PDB file of all heavy atoms in Angstrom:
ATOM      1  N   LEU A   1       0.829  -1.203   0.000  1.00  0.00           N
ATOM      2  CA  LEU A   1       0.000   0.000   0.000  1.00  0.00           C
ATOM      3  C   LEU A   1       0.865   1.256   0.000  1.00  0.00           C
ATOM      4  O   LEU A   1       0.562   2.239  -0.689  1.00  0.00           O
ATOM      5  CB  LEU A   1      -0.921  -0.004   1.229  1.00  0.00           C
ATOM      6  CG  LEU A   1      -1.797   1.238   1.415  1.00  0.00           C
ATOM      7  CD1 LEU A   1      -2.813   1.362   0.292  1.00  0.00           C
ATOM      8  CD2 LEU A   1      -2.503   1.210   2.763  1.00  0.00           C
ATOM      9  N   LYS A   2       1.954   1.238   0.746  1.00  0.00           N
ATOM     10  CA  LYS A   2       2.848   2.390   0.818  1.00  0.00           C
ATOM     11  C   LYS A   2       3.372   2.781  -0.558  1.00  0.00           C
ATOM     12  O   LYS A   2       3.498   3.967  -0.873  1.00  0.00           O
ATOM     13  CB  LYS A   2       4.036   2.083   1.737  1.00  0.00           C
ATOM     14  CG  LYS A   2       3.712   2.048   3.219  1.00  0.00           C
ATOM     15  CD  LYS A   2       4.982   1.801   4.010  1.00  0.00           C
ATOM     16  CE  LYS A   2       4.729   1.832   5.503  1.00  0.00           C
ATOM     17  NZ  LYS A   2       5.984   1.586   6.278  1.00  0.00           N
ATOM     18  N   GLU A   3       3.660   1.783  -1.395  1.00  0.00           N
ATOM     19  CA  GLU A   3       4.220   2.047  -2.713  1.00  0.00           C
ATOM     20  C   GLU A   3       3.153   2.409  -3.741  1.00  0.00           C
ATOM     21  O   GLU A   3       3.489   2.781  -4.870  1.00  0.00           O
ATOM     22  CB  GLU A   3       5.002   0.819  -3.190  1.00  0.00           C
ATOM     23  CG  GLU A   3       6.179   0.459  -2.297  1.00  0.00           C
ATOM     24  CD  GLU A   3       6.832  -0.848  -2.716  1.00  0.00           C
ATOM     25  OE1 GLU A   3       6.350  -1.447  -3.702  1.00  0.00           O
ATOM     26  OE2 GLU A   3       7.806  -1.263  -2.066  1.00  0.00           O
ATOM     27  N   SER A   4       1.887   2.291  -3.377  1.00  0.00           N
ATOM     28  CA  SER A   4       0.801   2.490  -4.322  1.00  0.00           C
ATOM     29  C   SER A   4       0.008   3.764  -4.071  1.00  0.00           C
ATOM     30  O   SER A   4      -0.953   4.050  -4.774  1.00  0.00           O
ATOM     31  CB  SER A   4      -0.161   1.290  -4.272  1.00  0.00           C
ATOM     32  OG  SER A   4       0.524   0.077  -4.442  1.00  0.00           O
ATOM     33  N   VAL A   5       0.405   4.519  -3.077  1.00  0.00           N
ATOM     34  CA  VAL A   5      -0.365   5.690  -2.668  1.00  0.00           C
ATOM     35  C   VAL A   5      -0.018   6.901  -3.529  1.00  0.00           C
ATOM     36  O   VAL A   5       1.147   7.196  -3.777  1.00  0.00           O
ATOM     37  CB  VAL A   5      -0.092   6.012  -1.183  1.00  0.00           C
ATOM     38  CG1 VAL A   5      -0.755   7.310  -0.771  1.00  0.00           C
ATOM     39  CG2 VAL A   5      -0.575   4.877  -0.312  1.00  0.00           C
ATOM     40  N   SER A   6      -1.043   7.604  -3.998  1.00  0.00           N
ATOM     41  CA  SER A   6      -0.815   8.877  -4.686  1.00  0.00           C
ATOM     42  C   SER A   6      -1.055  10.058  -3.749  1.00  0.00           C
ATOM     43  O   SER A   6      -0.457  11.119  -3.917  1.00  0.00           O
ATOM     44  CB  SER A   6      -1.715   9.003  -5.917  1.00  0.00           C
ATOM     45  OG  SER A   6      -3.075   8.974  -5.552  1.00  0.00           O
ATOM     46  N   SER A   7      -1.951   9.896  -2.749  1.00  0.00           N
ATOM     47  CA  SER A   7      -2.148  10.948  -1.754  1.00  0.00           C
ATOM     48  C   SER A   7      -2.798  10.364  -0.506  1.00  0.00           C
ATOM     49  O   SER A   7      -3.467   9.338  -0.564  1.00  0.00           O
ATOM     50  CB  SER A   7      -3.009  12.086  -2.306  1.00  0.00           C
ATOM     51  OG  SER A   7      -4.331  11.637  -2.543  1.00  0.00           O
ATOM     52  N   VAL A   8      -2.579  11.038   0.601  1.00  0.00           N
ATOM     53  CA  VAL A   8      -3.195  10.661   1.875  1.00  0.00           C
ATOM     54  C   VAL A   8      -3.797  11.904   2.510  1.00  0.00           C
ATOM     55  O   VAL A   8      -3.114  12.918   2.658  1.00  0.00           O
ATOM     56  CB  VAL A   8      -2.174  10.033   2.852  1.00  0.00           C
ATOM     57  CG1 VAL A   8      -2.874   9.597   4.138  1.00  0.00           C
ATOM     58  CG2 VAL A   8      -1.452   8.871   2.211  1.00  0.00           C
ATOM     59  N   HIS A   9      -5.066  11.847   2.869  1.00  0.00           N
ATOM     60  CA  HIS A   9      -5.713  12.935   3.594  1.00  0.00           C
ATOM     61  C   HIS A   9      -5.958  12.469   5.026  1.00  0.00           C
ATOM     62  O   HIS A   9      -6.616  11.456   5.255  1.00  0.00           O
ATOM     63  CB  HIS A   9      -7.040  13.318   2.945  1.00  0.00           C
ATOM     64  CG  HIS A   9      -6.889  14.009   1.633  1.00  0.00           C
ATOM     65  ND1 HIS A   9      -7.950  14.552   0.949  1.00  0.00           N
ATOM     66  CD2 HIS A   9      -5.797  14.251   0.879  1.00  0.00           C
ATOM     67  CE1 HIS A   9      -7.524  15.100  -0.173  1.00  0.00           C
ATOM     68  NE2 HIS A   9      -6.220  14.915  -0.234  1.00  0.00           N
ATOM     69  N   VAL A  10      -5.422  13.224   5.975  1.00  0.00           N
ATOM     70  CA  VAL A  10      -5.612  12.898   7.386  1.00  0.00           C
ATOM     71  C   VAL A  10      -6.661  13.840   7.959  1.00  0.00           C
ATOM     72  O   VAL A  10      -6.493  15.054   7.933  1.00  0.00           O
ATOM     73  CB  VAL A  10      -4.295  13.028   8.177  1.00  0.00           C
ATOM     74  CG1 VAL A  10      -4.525  12.665   9.643  1.00  0.00           C
ATOM     75  CG2 VAL A  10      -3.224  12.157   7.552  1.00  0.00           C
ATOM     76  N   ILE A  11      -7.763  13.277   8.457  1.00  0.00           N
ATOM     77  CA  ILE A  11      -8.830  14.071   9.046  1.00  0.00           C
ATOM     78  C   ILE A  11      -8.853  13.801  10.540  1.00  0.00           C
ATOM     79  O   ILE A  11      -9.106  12.673  10.976  1.00  0.00           O
ATOM     80  CB  ILE A  11     -10.195  13.726   8.420  1.00  0.00           C
ATOM     81  CG1 ILE A  11     -10.161  13.958   6.905  1.00  0.00           C
ATOM     82  CG2 ILE A  11     -11.298  14.552   9.068  1.00  0.00           C
ATOM     83  CD1 ILE A  11     -11.435  13.545   6.203  1.00  0.00           C
ATOM     84  N   ALA A  12      -8.543  14.826  11.321  1.00  0.00           N
ATOM     85  CA  ALA A  12      -8.575  14.692  12.776  1.00  0.00           C
ATOM     86  C   ALA A  12     -10.008  14.835  13.257  1.00  0.00           C
ATOM     87  O   ALA A  12     -10.655  15.852  13.003  1.00  0.00           O
ATOM     88  CB  ALA A  12      -7.683  15.750  13.414  1.00  0.00           C
ATOM     89  N   LEU A  13     -10.524  13.809  13.935  1.00  0.00           N
ATOM     90  CA  LEU A  13     -11.868  13.859  14.514  1.00  0.00           C
ATOM     91  C   LEU A  13     -11.770  14.559  15.859  1.00  0.00           C
ATOM     92  O   LEU A  13     -11.257  14.010  16.832  1.00  0.00           O
ATOM     93  CB  LEU A  13     -12.436  12.454  14.679  1.00  0.00           C
ATOM     94  CG  LEU A  13     -12.613  11.640  13.392  1.00  0.00           C
ATOM     95  CD1 LEU A  13     -13.175  10.264  13.720  1.00  0.00           C
ATOM     96  CD2 LEU A  13     -13.520  12.362  12.399  1.00  0.00           C
ATOM     97  N   GLN A  14     -12.255  15.787  15.906  1.00  0.00           N
ATOM     98  CA  GLN A  14     -12.131  16.576  17.121  1.00  0.00           C
ATOM     99  C   GLN A  14     -13.044  16.033  18.212  1.00  0.00           C
ATOM    100  O   GLN A  14     -14.143  15.562  17.945  1.00  0.00           O
ATOM    101  CB  GLN A  14     -12.472  18.031  16.829  1.00  0.00           C
ATOM    102  CG  GLN A  14     -11.588  18.657  15.749  1.00  0.00           C
ATOM    103  CD  GLN A  14     -12.036  20.059  15.402  1.00  0.00           C
ATOM    104  OE1 GLN A  14     -12.470  20.812  16.267  1.00  0.00           O
ATOM    105  NE2 GLN A  14     -11.932  20.428  14.137  1.00  0.00           N
ATOM    106  N   ASP A  15     -12.562  16.119  19.436  1.00  0.00           N
ATOM    107  CA  ASP A  15     -13.349  15.689  20.588  1.00  0.00           C
ATOM    108  C   ASP A  15     -14.389  16.762  20.899  1.00  0.00           C
ATOM    109  O   ASP A  15     -14.157  17.956  20.709  1.00  0.00           O
ATOM    110  CB  ASP A  15     -12.435  15.486  21.798  1.00  0.00           C
ATOM    111  CG  ASP A  15     -13.082  14.626  22.865  1.00  0.00           C
ATOM    112  OD1 ASP A  15     -14.307  14.413  22.774  1.00  0.00           O
ATOM    113  OD2 ASP A  15     -12.369  14.181  23.767  1.00  0.00           O
ATOM    114  N   SER A  16     -15.550  16.315  21.364  1.00  0.00           N
ATOM    115  CA  SER A  16     -16.569  17.261  21.795  1.00  0.00           C
ATOM    116  C   SER A  16     -16.278  17.681  23.228  1.00  0.00           C
ATOM    117  O   SER A  16     -15.456  17.086  23.923  1.00  0.00           O
ATOM    118  CB  SER A  16     -17.955  16.626  21.694  1.00  0.00           C
ATOM    119  OG  SER A  16     -18.051  15.545  22.597  1.00  0.00           O
ATOM    120  N   LEU A  17     -16.956  18.705  23.683  1.00  0.00           N
ATOM    121  CA  LEU A  17     -16.784  19.149  25.058  1.00  0.00           C
ATOM    122  C   LEU A  17     -17.479  18.221  26.039  1.00  0.00           C
ATOM    123  O   LEU A  17     -17.178  18.222  27.220  1.00  0.00           O
ATOM    124  CB  LEU A  17     -17.322  20.581  25.215  1.00  0.00           C
ATOM    125  CG  LEU A  17     -16.605  21.650  24.388  1.00  0.00           C
ATOM    126  CD1 LEU A  17     -17.262  23.015  24.603  1.00  0.00           C
ATOM    127  CD2 LEU A  17     -15.126  21.709  24.728  1.00  0.00           C
ATOM    128  N   ALA A  18     -18.412  17.421  25.523  1.00  0.00           N
ATOM    129  CA  ALA A  18     -19.104  16.457  26.364  1.00  0.00           C
ATOM    130  C   ALA A  18     -18.273  15.188  26.480  1.00  0.00           C
ATOM    131  O   ALA A  18     -17.193  15.074  25.924  1.00  0.00           O
ATOM    132  CB  ALA A  18     -20.483  16.152  25.783  1.00  0.00           C
ATOM    133  N   THR A  19     -18.802  14.222  27.227  1.00  0.00           N
ATOM    134  CA  THR A  19     -18.071  12.968  27.417  1.00  0.00           C
ATOM    135  C   THR A  19     -18.351  11.979  26.291  1.00  0.00           C
ATOM    136  O   THR A  19     -17.749  10.915  26.245  1.00  0.00           O
ATOM    137  CB  THR A  19     -18.466  12.322  28.753  1.00  0.00           C
ATOM    138  OG1 THR A  19     -19.887  12.096  28.772  1.00  0.00           O
ATOM    139  CG2 THR A  19     -18.095  13.231  29.910  1.00  0.00           C
ATOM    140  N   GLN A  20     -19.264  12.305  25.391  1.00  0.00           N
ATOM    141  CA  GLN A  20     -19.630  11.390  24.323  1.00  0.00           C
ATOM    142  C   GLN A  20     -18.631  11.504  23.183  1.00  0.00           C
ATOM    143  O   GLN A  20     -18.604  12.502  22.458  1.00  0.00           O
ATOM    144  CB  GLN A  20     -21.051  11.686  23.830  1.00  0.00           C
ATOM    145  CG  GLN A  20     -22.100  11.494  24.915  1.00  0.00           C
ATOM    146  CD  GLN A  20     -23.480  11.952  24.467  1.00  0.00           C
ATOM    147  OE1 GLN A  20     -23.608  12.805  23.614  1.00  0.00           O
ATOM    148  NE2 GLN A  20     -24.510  11.366  25.042  1.00  0.00           N
ATOM    149  N   PHE A  21     -17.821  10.484  23.064  1.00  0.00           N
ATOM    150  CA  PHE A  21     -16.801  10.453  22.016  1.00  0.00           C
ATOM    151  C   PHE A  21     -16.488   8.994  21.731  1.00  0.00           C
ATOM    152  O   PHE A  21     -16.317   8.203  22.653  1.00  0.00           O
ATOM    153  CB  PHE A  21     -15.534  11.183  22.483  1.00  0.00           C
ATOM    154  CG  PHE A  21     -14.476  11.303  21.413  1.00  0.00           C
ATOM    155  CD1 PHE A  21     -14.663  12.135  20.326  1.00  0.00           C
ATOM    156  CD2 PHE A  21     -13.300  10.578  21.502  1.00  0.00           C
ATOM    157  CE1 PHE A  21     -13.686  12.251  19.343  1.00  0.00           C
ATOM    158  CE2 PHE A  21     -12.325  10.684  20.531  1.00  0.00           C
ATOM    159  CZ  PHE A  21     -12.522  11.529  19.447  1.00  0.00           C
ATOM    160  N   PRO A  22     -16.451   8.579  20.458  1.00  0.00           N
ATOM    161  CA  PRO A  22     -16.238   7.150  20.170  1.00  0.00           C
ATOM    162  C   PRO A  22     -14.891   6.661  20.666  1.00  0.00           C
ATOM    163  O   PRO A  22     -13.854   7.264  20.395  1.00  0.00           O
ATOM    164  CB  PRO A  22     -16.342   7.080  18.635  1.00  0.00           C
ATOM    165  CG  PRO A  22     -16.082   8.471  18.161  1.00  0.00           C
ATOM    166  CD  PRO A  22     -16.600   9.376  19.222  1.00  0.00           C
ATOM    167  N   GLY A  23     -14.933   5.545  21.391  1.00  0.00           N
ATOM    168  CA  GLY A  23     -13.691   4.944  21.873  1.00  0.00           C
ATOM    169  C   GLY A  23     -13.133   3.927  20.913  1.00  0.00           C
ATOM    170  O   GLY A  23     -12.001   3.478  21.046  1.00  0.00           O
ATOM    171  N   SER A  24     -13.940   3.528  19.927  1.00  0.00           N
ATOM    172  CA  SER A  24     -13.480   2.654  18.859  1.00  0.00           C
ATOM    173  C   SER A  24     -14.265   3.023  17.599  1.00  0.00           C
ATOM    174  O   SER A  24     -15.361   3.569  17.680  1.00  0.00           O
ATOM    175  CB  SER A  24     -13.696   1.173  19.198  1.00  0.00           C
ATOM    176  OG  SER A  24     -15.078   0.889  19.348  1.00  0.00           O
ATOM    177  N   VAL A  25     -13.673   2.744  16.452  1.00  0.00           N
ATOM    178  CA  VAL A  25     -14.316   3.061  15.171  1.00  0.00           C
ATOM    179  C   VAL A  25     -14.683   1.744  14.499  1.00  0.00           C
ATOM    180  O   VAL A  25     -13.827   1.022  14.004  1.00  0.00           O
ATOM    181  CB  VAL A  25     -13.387   3.896  14.267  1.00  0.00           C
ATOM    182  CG1 VAL A  25     -14.041   4.146  12.920  1.00  0.00           C
ATOM    183  CG2 VAL A  25     -13.043   5.219  14.941  1.00  0.00           C
ATOM    184  N   SER A  26     -15.977   1.414  14.510  1.00  0.00           N
ATOM    185  CA  SER A  26     -16.434   0.151  13.942  1.00  0.00           C
ATOM    186  C   SER A  26     -16.808   0.279  12.479  1.00  0.00           C
ATOM    187  O   SER A  26     -16.562  -0.635  11.694  1.00  0.00           O
ATOM    188  CB  SER A  26     -17.645  -0.373  14.735  1.00  0.00           C
ATOM    189  OG  SER A  26     -17.344  -0.510  16.102  1.00  0.00           O
TER     190      SER A  26
END
């Protein structure tokens, strides 16, 4: 995969001010 990539977009999922935030991404 490393040799086949043309671009990578990194999207940071910001934490909310509340306690509700995913602890895993299913």
